[in-house]
Amino acid sequence: MGVMTTQFISAADLMSRVLGMPGFAYATIGHPVSSATDEGLRAMARMALDQGKRLLLRA
């Protein structure tokens, strides 16, 4: 599982198709990360973890 910022979702989808893995699931967080505060980064990490759990545990 990976994490992608919202700015690069289309690029990630394209790469997953090119690499033969269409529909590859990944968590998404806000963009940009570089200017986020420490609390903002913690919130993004929590969001990514929650999404990751759902992706990994889906049936």
N, C-alpha and C. Protein backbone atom coordinates (compact mmCIF):
# COMPACT_ATOMS: atom_id res chain seq x y z
N MET A 1 0.83 -1.17 0.00
CA MET A 1 0.00 0.00 0.00
C MET A 1 0.88 1.23 0.00
N GLY A 2 0.45 2.25 -0.69
CA GLY A 2 1.21 3.49 -0.74
C GLY A 2 0.36 4.67 -0.32
N VAL A 3 1.01 5.82 -0.25
CA VAL A 3 0.32 7.07 0.08
C VAL A 3 0.68 8.08 -1.00
N MET A 4 -0.31 8.82 -1.48
CA MET A 4 -0.12 9.80 -2.53
C MET A 4 -0.82 11.08 -2.14
N THR A 5 -0.21 12.22 -2.47
CA THR A 5 -0.91 13.48 -2.23
C THR A 5 -1.92 13.70 -3.35
N THR A 6 -2.93 14.50 -3.04
CA THR A 6 -4.02 14.73 -3.99
C THR A 6 -3.53 15.30 -5.32
N GLN A 7 -2.44 16.02 -5.30
CA GLN A 7 -1.90 16.62 -6.52
C GLN A 7 -1.44 15.57 -7.53
N PHE A 8 -1.07 14.39 -7.06
CA PHE A 8 -0.46 13.38 -7.94
C PHE A 8 -1.30 12.13 -8.14
N ILE A 9 -2.58 12.20 -7.84
CA ILE A 9 -3.45 11.04 -8.00
C ILE A 9 -3.49 10.57 -9.45
N SER A 10 -3.66 11.48 -10.39
CA SER A 10 -3.74 11.06 -11.80
C SER A 10 -2.43 10.41 -12.27
N ALA A 11 -1.30 10.93 -11.80
CA ALA A 11 -0.01 10.33 -12.16
C ALA A 11 0.12 8.94 -11.55
N ALA A 12 -0.32 8.78 -10.32
CA ALA A 12 -0.25 7.46 -9.67
C ALA A 12 -1.15 6.46 -10.38
N ASP A 13 -2.35 6.90 -10.76
CA ASP A 13 -3.25 6.00 -11.49
C ASP A 13 -2.65 5.59 -12.84
N LEU A 14 -2.05 6.54 -13.53
CA LEU A 14 -1.41 6.23 -14.81
C LEU A 14 -0.27 5.23 -14.62
N MET A 15 0.58 5.47 -13.63
CA MET A 15 1.71 4.56 -13.40
C MET A 15 1.23 3.16 -13.01
N SER A 16 0.17 3.07 -12.23
CA SER A 16 -0.31 1.73 -11.87
C SER A 16 -0.81 0.98 -13.10
N ARG A 17 -1.46 1.70 -14.04
CA ARG A 17 -1.89 1.05 -15.28
C ARG A 17 -0.70 0.65 -16.13
N VAL A 18 0.28 1.54 -16.27
CA VAL A 18 1.47 1.26 -17.09
C VAL A 18 2.23 0.06 -16.54
N LEU A 19 2.26 -0.07 -15.22
CA LEU A 19 2.99 -1.17 -14.59
C LEU A 19 2.15 -2.44 -14.45
N GLY A 20 0.97 -2.45 -15.07
CA GLY A 20 0.15 -3.65 -15.08
C GLY A 20 -0.65 -3.89 -13.82
N MET A 21 -0.88 -2.84 -13.05
CA MET A 21 -1.65 -2.99 -11.81
C MET A 21 -2.78 -1.96 -11.76
N PRO A 22 -3.67 -1.96 -12.76
CA PRO A 22 -4.75 -0.98 -12.76
C PRO A 22 -5.60 -1.13 -11.50
N GLY A 23 -6.02 -0.01 -10.96
CA GLY A 23 -6.84 -0.06 -9.76
C GLY A 23 -6.06 -0.24 -8.47
N PHE A 24 -4.71 -0.12 -8.54
CA PHE A 24 -3.90 -0.24 -7.33
C PHE A 24 -4.41 0.74 -6.28
N ALA A 25 -4.65 0.25 -5.10
CA ALA A 25 -5.22 1.07 -4.03
C ALA A 25 -4.13 1.74 -3.22
N TYR A 26 -4.35 2.99 -2.88
CA TYR A 26 -3.41 3.74 -2.05
C TYR A 26 -4.17 4.79 -1.26
N ALA A 27 -3.59 5.21 -0.18
CA ALA A 27 -4.18 6.27 0.63
C ALA A 27 -3.83 7.61 0.01
N THR A 28 -4.68 8.60 0.23
CA THR A 28 -4.40 9.94 -0.26
C THR A 28 -4.41 10.94 0.89
N ILE A 29 -3.52 11.90 0.80
CA ILE A 29 -3.44 12.98 1.78
C ILE A 29 -3.39 14.31 1.04
N GLY A 30 -3.57 15.39 1.77
CA GLY A 30 -3.56 16.71 1.16
C GLY A 30 -2.21 17.09 0.59
N HIS A 31 -2.26 18.10 -0.25
CA HIS A 31 -1.06 18.61 -0.89
C HIS A 31 -1.04 20.12 -0.70
N PRO A 32 0.07 20.71 -0.44
CA PRO A 32 1.42 20.15 -0.35
C PRO A 32 1.75 19.70 1.08
N VAL A 33 2.69 18.82 1.18
CA VAL A 33 3.15 18.33 2.47
C VAL A 33 4.26 19.23 3.02
N SER A 34 5.06 19.79 2.14
CA SER A 34 6.24 20.55 2.56
C SER A 34 5.91 21.76 3.41
N SER A 35 4.75 22.35 3.24
CA SER A 35 4.41 23.53 4.03
C SER A 35 3.47 23.23 5.19
N ALA A 36 3.18 21.96 5.42
CA ALA A 36 2.28 21.59 6.52
C ALA A 36 2.98 21.78 7.86
N THR A 37 2.19 22.13 8.85
CA THR A 37 2.71 22.25 10.22
C THR A 37 2.90 20.85 10.79
N ASP A 38 3.55 20.78 11.93
CA ASP A 38 3.71 19.48 12.59
C ASP A 38 2.35 18.85 12.87
N GLU A 39 1.41 19.65 13.37
CA GLU A 39 0.07 19.12 13.65
C GLU A 39 -0.62 18.71 12.35
N GLY A 40 -0.42 19.48 11.29
CA GLY A 40 -0.99 19.11 10.00
C GLY A 40 -0.44 17.79 9.49
N LEU A 41 0.86 17.60 9.67
CA LEU A 41 1.47 16.33 9.25
C LEU A 41 0.95 15.17 10.08
N ARG A 42 0.76 15.40 11.38
CA ARG A 42 0.19 14.34 12.23
C ARG A 42 -1.22 13.98 11.78
N ALA A 43 -2.00 14.99 11.44
CA ALA A 43 -3.36 14.74 10.97
C ALA A 43 -3.34 13.96 9.65
N MET A 44 -2.44 14.33 8.75
CA MET A 44 -2.33 13.60 7.47
C MET A 44 -1.91 12.16 7.71
N ALA A 45 -0.99 11.96 8.65
CA ALA A 45 -0.53 10.60 8.95
C ALA A 45 -1.67 9.76 9.52
N ARG A 46 -2.47 10.35 10.42
CA ARG A 46 -3.62 9.63 10.98
C ARG A 46 -4.62 9.27 9.87
N MET A 47 -4.85 10.22 8.96
CA MET A 47 -5.77 9.97 7.85
C MET A 47 -5.25 8.84 6.97
N ALA A 48 -3.96 8.86 6.66
CA ALA A 48 -3.37 7.82 5.82
C ALA A 48 -3.45 6.45 6.51
N LEU A 49 -3.20 6.44 7.82
CA LEU A 49 -3.30 5.17 8.56
C LEU A 49 -4.73 4.63 8.54
N ASP A 50 -5.70 5.50 8.76
CA ASP A 50 -7.10 5.05 8.72
C ASP A 50 -7.47 4.51 7.35
N GLN A 51 -7.06 5.21 6.30
CA GLN A 51 -7.34 4.74 4.94
C GLN A 51 -6.63 3.42 4.68
N GLY A 52 -5.38 3.33 5.12
CA GLY A 52 -4.60 2.11 4.93
C GLY A 52 -5.23 0.91 5.60
N LYS A 53 -5.72 1.11 6.81
CA LYS A 53 -6.40 0.01 7.52
C LYS A 53 -7.60 -0.47 6.72
N ARG A 54 -8.40 0.50 6.22
CA ARG A 54 -9.58 0.12 5.43
C ARG A 54 -9.18 -0.62 4.15
N LEU A 55 -8.13 -0.15 3.50
CA LEU A 55 -7.67 -0.81 2.27
C LEU A 55 -7.17 -2.22 2.53
N LEU A 56 -6.43 -2.38 3.61
CA LEU A 56 -5.84 -3.69 3.91
C LEU A 56 -6.87 -4.69 4.44
N LEU A 57 -7.91 -4.20 5.07
CA LEU A 57 -8.88 -5.10 5.71
C LEU A 57 -10.15 -5.31 4.89
N ARG A 58 -10.23 -4.69 3.72
CA ARG A 58 -11.45 -4.86 2.93
C ARG A 58 -11.54 -6.29 2.42
N ALA A 59 -12.75 -6.72 2.27
CA ALA A 59 -12.95 -8.11 1.84
C ALA A 59 -13.17 -8.19 0.36
